[in-house]
Amino acid sequence: MVIKDLRGLPTVAVVFVALVRIAAAAAAAGDLEDGVAAYERGDYQAAIEAWMPLADADHPDALFNMGQLYRMGKGVARDPVMAEYFYRRAAELGHVSAQGNLGTLYYFGFDDSPRVAAALRWWQKAARAGDARSQYMLGLLYYNGKHLPRDTVRAYAWIRKAAIAGLPEAVAAEKKLIRALSVKELAAGNELVPRVHELPVETDFASADSAVMAQNASTPGNGAESPAANPVAAGDQALSGYYVQLGAVSSAAGADAAGKRLVDTFGPLMADKDLRVEEAILEDGRRVYRLLLGAFDSRPAAVTRCARIQEADGDCFVVRR
């Protein structure tokens, strides 16, 4: 699949950033490097065995690498939903390559792609953090007026920024833009390059980085009676298995209120599981209350449920306890 070239820029093939080796080189954990060595000799099961414990512990590079395996279908069945899960966890932890790949996955990787709002949200994050391919993609969309208002000045600024970083496609596109744009547009684009990442986003994206995701789940449901899934304190019963985390709030009362809003909004997607509250103390001493739906017998089952909640405009991710 490609983004069509509507106005003379090069056609963009689907290219994901592949940083398995680089991710390992930057990591302190020997297990991550062992996984890379296994990957490079084609022993994908050994790579998975090395990376999965780190991924369960929220190691960004391991999460990214697992996303790569599921996207490519190496050692596991190719599964864009599982790739999304691992990329998203890494992206939420600030992994820039995962942010860029997640945007590309949303735009190209699913049967119902492009998922435009999600793709643009993550490309924006990655581009602002310096990911050249995401910068190039935004430049192309701005130039073509595809999903974003056509803006030749901003298009040139993003593509110029990616070209400065050495991305070959951006270098080629910049040459075409120099021939296609006016002197005034080029001058304005060059002036914008150092601060293009500071400009506000036109599209009203749902926040993927909210510290209190459950606060966004306040829209009433369709009026149908929903099961009364009362939050249960984690101390009442030990948590074990896979859970879909739907939010985190700063008080027990807030957790109870958020839980009721979640049931009102997503009741049919929650009816067969318990909504639990897990109390935790963060490293900085703050106390948080996490809303967890589960337990699920397997990670794929939890990921599938989270994907359905996201399709209903919810926000979530999968955790293991």
Protein backbone atom coordinates (compact mmCIF):
# COMPACT_ATOMS: atom_id res chain seq x y z
CA MET A 1 0.00 0.00 0.00
CA VAL A 2 1.18 3.53 -0.68
CA ILE A 3 0.10 7.09 -0.17
CA LYS A 4 -0.65 8.20 -3.70
CA ASP A 5 1.42 10.98 -5.21
CA LEU A 6 -1.25 13.58 -5.93
CA ARG A 7 0.95 16.50 -6.89
CA GLY A 8 4.28 15.23 -8.11
CA LEU A 9 6.06 14.15 -4.94
CA PRO A 10 7.60 10.68 -4.85
CA THR A 11 5.28 7.81 -4.04
CA VAL A 12 5.81 6.66 -0.46
CA ALA A 13 6.24 2.95 0.12
CA VAL A 14 5.26 1.45 3.45
CA VAL A 15 8.51 1.50 5.40
CA PHE A 16 8.81 0.80 9.10
CA VAL A 17 11.79 1.85 11.16
CA ALA A 18 13.75 -1.29 12.00
CA LEU A 19 15.96 -0.67 15.03
CA VAL A 20 16.37 -4.09 16.58
CA ARG A 21 20.17 -3.84 16.54
CA ILE A 22 20.30 -0.18 17.54
CA ALA A 23 17.80 -0.69 20.33
CA ALA A 24 19.97 -3.39 21.80
CA ALA A 25 23.15 -1.38 21.49
CA ALA A 26 21.60 1.37 23.59
CA ALA A 27 20.28 -0.96 26.27
CA ALA A 28 22.00 -1.98 29.47
CA ALA A 29 20.28 -5.37 29.78
CA GLY A 30 22.35 -8.30 28.55
CA ASP A 31 19.17 -10.26 27.88
CA LEU A 32 18.16 -7.71 25.24
CA GLU A 33 21.48 -8.16 23.45
CA ASP A 34 21.10 -11.95 23.72
CA GLY A 35 17.74 -11.59 22.02
CA VAL A 36 19.26 -9.55 19.20
CA ALA A 37 21.95 -12.17 18.68
CA ALA A 38 19.29 -14.86 18.52
CA TYR A 39 17.21 -12.76 16.11
CA GLU A 40 20.17 -12.25 13.78
CA ARG A 41 20.87 -15.97 13.57
CA GLY A 42 17.20 -16.66 12.85
CA ASP A 43 16.35 -18.20 16.24
CA TYR A 44 13.22 -16.15 16.81
CA GLN A 45 11.93 -18.28 19.68
CA ALA A 46 15.12 -17.64 21.62
CA ALA A 47 14.73 -13.92 20.89
CA ILE A 48 11.18 -14.00 22.23
CA GLU A 49 12.31 -15.84 25.37
CA ALA A 50 14.95 -13.14 25.96
CA TRP A 51 12.69 -10.16 25.25
CA MET A 52 9.35 -11.13 26.76
CA PRO A 53 10.41 -10.91 30.44
CA LEU A 54 11.84 -7.46 29.72
CA ALA A 55 8.68 -6.47 27.86
CA ASP A 56 6.58 -7.60 30.82
CA ALA A 57 8.73 -5.27 32.93
CA ASP A 58 7.98 -2.34 30.56
CA HIS A 59 11.43 -2.19 28.95
CA PRO A 60 10.83 0.12 25.94
CA ASP A 61 13.34 -1.51 23.58
CA ALA A 62 12.06 -5.01 24.34
CA LEU A 63 8.48 -3.86 23.77
CA PHE A 64 9.52 -2.32 20.46
CA ASN A 65 11.35 -5.46 19.37
CA MET A 66 8.34 -7.64 20.20
CA GLY A 67 6.22 -5.31 18.12
CA GLN A 68 8.63 -5.84 15.24
CA LEU A 69 8.28 -9.62 15.49
CA TYR A 70 4.49 -9.52 15.47
CA ARG A 71 4.42 -7.05 12.59
CA MET A 72 6.77 -9.16 10.48
CA GLY A 73 5.48 -12.55 11.62
CA LYS A 74 8.86 -13.87 12.75
CA GLY A 75 8.64 -16.56 15.42
CA VAL A 76 4.94 -15.75 15.86
CA ALA A 77 1.93 -15.48 13.59
CA ARG A 78 1.79 -12.08 11.91
CA ASP A 79 -0.66 -10.08 14.00
CA PRO A 80 -1.13 -6.31 13.63
CA VAL A 81 -3.20 -6.16 16.82
CA MET A 82 -0.36 -7.64 18.87
CA ALA A 83 2.15 -5.43 17.03
CA GLU A 84 -0.01 -2.44 17.96
CA TYR A 85 -0.07 -3.53 21.59
CA PHE A 86 3.72 -3.76 21.90
CA TYR A 87 4.42 -0.65 19.82
CA ARG A 88 1.89 1.33 21.82
CA ARG A 89 3.34 0.33 25.18
CA ALA A 90 6.82 1.33 23.97
CA ALA A 91 5.45 4.53 22.41
CA GLU A 92 3.75 5.54 25.64
CA LEU A 93 7.09 5.13 27.39
CA GLY A 94 8.65 7.59 24.95
CA HIS A 95 10.24 5.20 22.43
CA VAL A 96 10.40 7.44 19.34
CA SER A 97 10.82 4.66 16.76
CA ALA A 98 7.83 2.86 18.25
CA GLN A 99 5.81 6.07 17.97
CA GLY A 100 6.68 6.37 14.28
CA ASN A 101 6.02 2.70 13.53
CA LEU A 102 2.72 2.86 15.40
CA GLY A 103 1.61 5.73 13.19
CA THR A 104 2.61 3.76 10.09
CA LEU A 105 0.82 0.67 11.37
CA TYR A 106 -2.39 2.66 11.92
CA TYR A 107 -2.17 4.18 8.46
CA PHE A 108 -1.30 1.03 6.51
CA GLY A 109 -1.43 -2.08 8.68
CA PHE A 110 -5.08 -2.91 9.39
CA ASP A 111 -7.98 -4.04 7.23
CA ASP A 112 -9.77 -0.77 8.02
CA SER A 113 -6.69 1.43 7.53
CA PRO A 114 -6.04 4.27 7.32
CA ARG A 115 -6.96 5.04 10.91
CA VAL A 116 -6.18 8.65 10.25
CA ALA A 117 -6.54 10.30 13.67
CA ALA A 118 -4.43 7.65 15.40
CA ALA A 119 -1.78 7.66 12.66
CA LEU A 120 -1.45 11.45 12.70
CA ARG A 121 -1.33 11.56 16.50
CA TRP A 122 1.67 9.24 16.67
CA TRP A 123 3.43 10.66 13.61
CA GLN A 124 3.13 14.09 15.20
CA LYS A 125 4.69 12.83 18.44
CA ALA A 126 7.52 11.03 16.64
CA ALA A 127 8.18 13.92 14.26
CA ARG A 128 8.41 16.39 17.11
CA ALA A 129 10.87 14.04 18.84
CA GLY A 130 13.09 13.95 15.75
CA ASP A 131 11.93 10.89 13.79
CA ALA A 132 12.82 11.75 10.19
CA ARG A 133 10.40 9.34 8.52
CA SER A 134 7.46 10.69 10.51
CA GLN A 135 8.55 14.22 9.58
CA TYR A 136 8.57 13.19 5.93
CA MET A 137 5.13 11.59 6.15
CA LEU A 138 3.65 14.74 7.68
CA GLY A 139 5.31 16.85 4.99
CA LEU A 140 3.82 14.70 2.27
CA LEU A 141 0.34 14.87 3.79
CA TYR A 142 0.53 18.65 4.18
CA TYR A 143 1.68 19.04 0.58
CA ASN A 144 -1.02 16.78 -0.83
CA GLY A 145 -3.70 18.21 1.44
CA LYS A 146 -4.49 14.62 2.45
CA HIS A 147 -6.11 14.39 5.91
CA LEU A 148 -4.55 17.75 6.78
CA PRO A 149 -5.18 21.22 5.33
CA ARG A 150 -2.89 21.78 2.35
CA ASP A 151 0.02 23.90 3.53
CA THR A 152 3.01 24.05 1.20
CA VAL A 153 5.11 26.05 3.64
CA ARG A 154 4.67 23.58 6.49
CA ALA A 155 5.11 20.70 4.03
CA TYR A 156 8.48 22.06 2.93
CA ALA A 157 9.56 22.69 6.52
CA TRP A 158 8.86 19.09 7.57
CA ILE A 159 10.43 17.59 4.45
CA ARG A 160 13.45 19.88 4.73
CA LYS A 161 13.85 18.80 8.36
CA ALA A 162 13.77 15.12 7.34
CA ALA A 163 16.20 15.79 4.49
CA ILE A 164 18.65 17.46 6.87
CA ALA A 165 18.50 14.24 8.92
CA GLY A 166 19.53 12.32 5.78
CA LEU A 167 16.33 10.44 4.92
CA PRO A 168 16.80 9.58 1.19
CA GLU A 169 13.11 9.93 0.29
CA ALA A 170 13.04 13.38 1.90
CA VAL A 171 16.18 14.45 0.04
CA ALA A 172 14.54 13.47 -3.26
CA ALA A 173 11.24 15.15 -2.32
CA GLU A 174 13.00 18.37 -1.34
CA LYS A 175 14.58 18.61 -4.78
CA LYS A 176 11.14 18.36 -6.35
CA LEU A 177 9.71 20.94 -3.98
CA ILE A 178 12.49 23.39 -4.80
CA ARG A 179 11.40 23.19 -8.44
CA ALA A 180 7.67 23.26 -7.66
CA LEU A 181 7.34 25.98 -5.02
CA SER A 182 7.72 29.73 -5.32
CA VAL A 183 10.68 31.62 -3.91
CA LYS A 184 8.36 33.07 -1.27
CA GLU A 185 7.11 29.63 -0.21
CA LEU A 186 10.62 28.24 -0.01
CA ALA A 187 11.84 31.18 2.06
CA ALA A 188 8.93 30.84 4.46
CA GLY A 189 9.49 27.09 4.71
CA ASN A 190 13.18 27.50 5.46
CA GLU A 191 12.38 30.04 8.14
CA LEU A 192 9.86 27.63 9.68
CA VAL A 193 12.21 24.61 9.87
CA PRO A 194 13.60 25.31 13.38
CA ARG A 195 10.15 25.73 14.92
CA VAL A 196 7.75 23.68 12.79
CA HIS A 197 7.51 21.14 15.62
CA GLU A 198 6.16 23.88 17.90
CA LEU A 199 3.11 24.65 15.76
CA PRO A 200 -0.27 23.51 17.12
CA VAL A 201 -1.94 20.45 15.67
CA GLU A 202 -5.00 21.26 13.57
CA THR A 203 -6.75 17.94 14.06
CA ASP A 204 -8.49 17.35 17.40
CA PHE A 205 -6.74 14.16 18.44
CA ALA A 206 -7.78 12.23 21.53
CA SER A 207 -4.94 12.38 24.03
CA ALA A 208 -2.95 9.15 24.17
CA ASP A 209 -0.76 10.38 27.00
CA SER A 210 -3.26 11.50 29.58
CA ALA A 211 -2.11 10.70 33.09
CA VAL A 212 -5.72 10.03 34.02
CA MET A 213 -7.17 8.18 31.05
CA ALA A 214 -10.39 7.28 32.81
CA GLN A 215 -11.33 10.95 33.14
CA ASN A 216 -11.95 10.97 29.38
CA ALA A 217 -14.54 8.19 29.60
CA SER A 218 -17.39 10.40 30.81
CA THR A 219 -19.80 10.25 27.88
CA PRO A 220 -23.04 8.51 28.85
CA GLY A 221 -23.93 5.29 27.09
CA ASN A 222 -26.97 4.71 24.92
CA GLY A 223 -29.26 4.35 27.90
CA ALA A 224 -29.23 0.55 27.95
CA GLU A 225 -28.98 -1.02 31.36
CA SER A 226 -25.36 -2.00 32.02
CA PRO A 227 -24.18 -4.63 34.48
CA ALA A 228 -23.17 -3.13 37.81
CA ALA A 229 -19.47 -3.91 37.69
CA ASN A 230 -18.44 -2.52 41.06
CA PRO A 231 -14.71 -1.88 41.49
CA VAL A 232 -13.10 -4.23 43.98
CA ALA A 233 -10.01 -3.26 45.96
CA ALA A 234 -6.99 -5.28 44.94
CA GLY A 235 -6.26 -6.10 48.54
CA ASP A 236 -9.43 -8.15 48.75
CA GLN A 237 -8.02 -10.70 46.34
CA ALA A 238 -4.58 -11.09 44.80
CA LEU A 239 -4.35 -10.04 41.16
CA SER A 240 -3.06 -12.64 38.73
CA GLY A 241 -3.12 -12.85 34.95
CA TYR A 242 -3.57 -10.27 32.22
CA TYR A 243 -5.65 -7.12 32.70
CA VAL A 244 -6.79 -4.20 30.57
CA GLN A 245 -5.84 -0.99 32.37
CA LEU A 246 -8.51 1.63 31.73
CA GLY A 247 -7.20 4.47 33.83
CA ALA A 248 -5.35 5.70 36.89
CA VAL A 249 -6.57 8.29 39.37
CA SER A 250 -5.20 9.84 42.53
CA SER A 251 -7.88 8.88 45.07
CA ALA A 252 -10.10 5.96 46.01
CA ALA A 253 -13.18 8.12 45.59
CA GLY A 254 -11.98 9.15 42.14
CA ALA A 255 -11.46 5.50 41.24
CA ASP A 256 -15.02 4.66 42.26
CA ALA A 257 -16.44 7.55 40.23
CA ALA A 258 -14.26 6.72 37.22
CA GLY A 259 -15.31 3.08 37.43
CA LYS A 260 -18.99 4.03 37.30
CA ARG A 261 -18.37 6.24 34.26
CA LEU A 262 -16.52 3.43 32.53
CA VAL A 263 -19.38 1.01 33.16
CA ASP A 264 -21.88 3.57 31.85
CA THR A 265 -19.80 4.05 28.71
CA PHE A 266 -18.37 0.60 27.97
CA GLY A 267 -20.71 -1.67 29.91
CA PRO A 268 -21.24 -4.30 27.17
CA LEU A 269 -17.48 -4.63 26.73
CA MET A 270 -16.96 -5.12 30.46
CA ALA A 271 -19.87 -7.32 31.45
CA ASP A 272 -18.00 -10.63 31.59
CA LYS A 273 -15.04 -9.36 33.67
CA ASP A 274 -14.48 -7.69 37.02
CA LEU A 275 -13.38 -4.09 37.25
CA ARG A 276 -10.69 -4.02 39.90
CA VAL A 277 -8.86 -1.16 41.62
CA GLU A 278 -5.17 -1.62 42.28
CA GLU A 279 -3.60 0.75 44.78
CA ALA A 280 0.07 1.53 44.17
CA ILE A 281 2.72 3.95 45.42
CA LEU A 282 4.97 5.40 42.73
CA GLU A 283 8.71 6.02 43.08
CA ASP A 284 8.10 9.69 43.86
CA GLY A 285 5.78 8.72 46.73
CA ARG A 286 2.51 9.52 44.99
CA ARG A 287 -0.37 7.11 45.54
CA VAL A 288 -2.38 6.04 42.49
CA TYR A 289 -5.41 3.84 41.95
CA ARG A 290 -5.40 1.86 38.72
CA LEU A 291 -8.61 0.59 37.15
CA LEU A 292 -8.05 -2.90 35.78
CA LEU A 293 -10.50 -5.06 33.83
CA GLY A 294 -9.91 -8.79 34.01
CA ALA A 295 -8.46 -11.19 34.49
CA PHE A 296 -7.87 -12.62 31.02
CA ASP A 297 -6.34 -16.04 30.45
CA SER A 298 -3.87 -14.83 27.82
CA ARG A 299 -2.22 -11.69 26.53
CA PRO A 300 -3.93 -11.97 23.08
CA ALA A 301 -7.35 -12.14 24.74
CA ALA A 302 -6.62 -8.99 26.75
CA VAL A 303 -5.19 -7.21 23.71
CA THR A 304 -8.29 -8.06 21.67
CA ARG A 305 -10.58 -6.64 24.37
CA CYS A 306 -8.48 -3.49 24.65
CA ALA A 307 -8.67 -3.06 20.87
CA ARG A 308 -12.49 -3.24 21.03
CA ILE A 309 -12.52 -0.60 23.78
CA GLN A 310 -10.27 1.63 21.68
CA GLU A 311 -12.63 1.20 18.72
CA ALA A 312 -15.35 2.57 21.01
CA ASP A 313 -13.18 5.68 21.64
CA GLY A 314 -11.75 4.40 24.93
CA ASP A 315 -8.11 4.34 25.93
CA CYS A 316 -6.37 1.36 27.48
CA PHE A 317 -3.37 -0.93 27.49
CA VAL A 318 -2.61 -4.44 28.73
CA VAL A 319 -0.69 -5.27 31.89
CA ARG A 320 0.32 -8.52 33.54
CA ARG A 321 0.03 -9.23 37.23
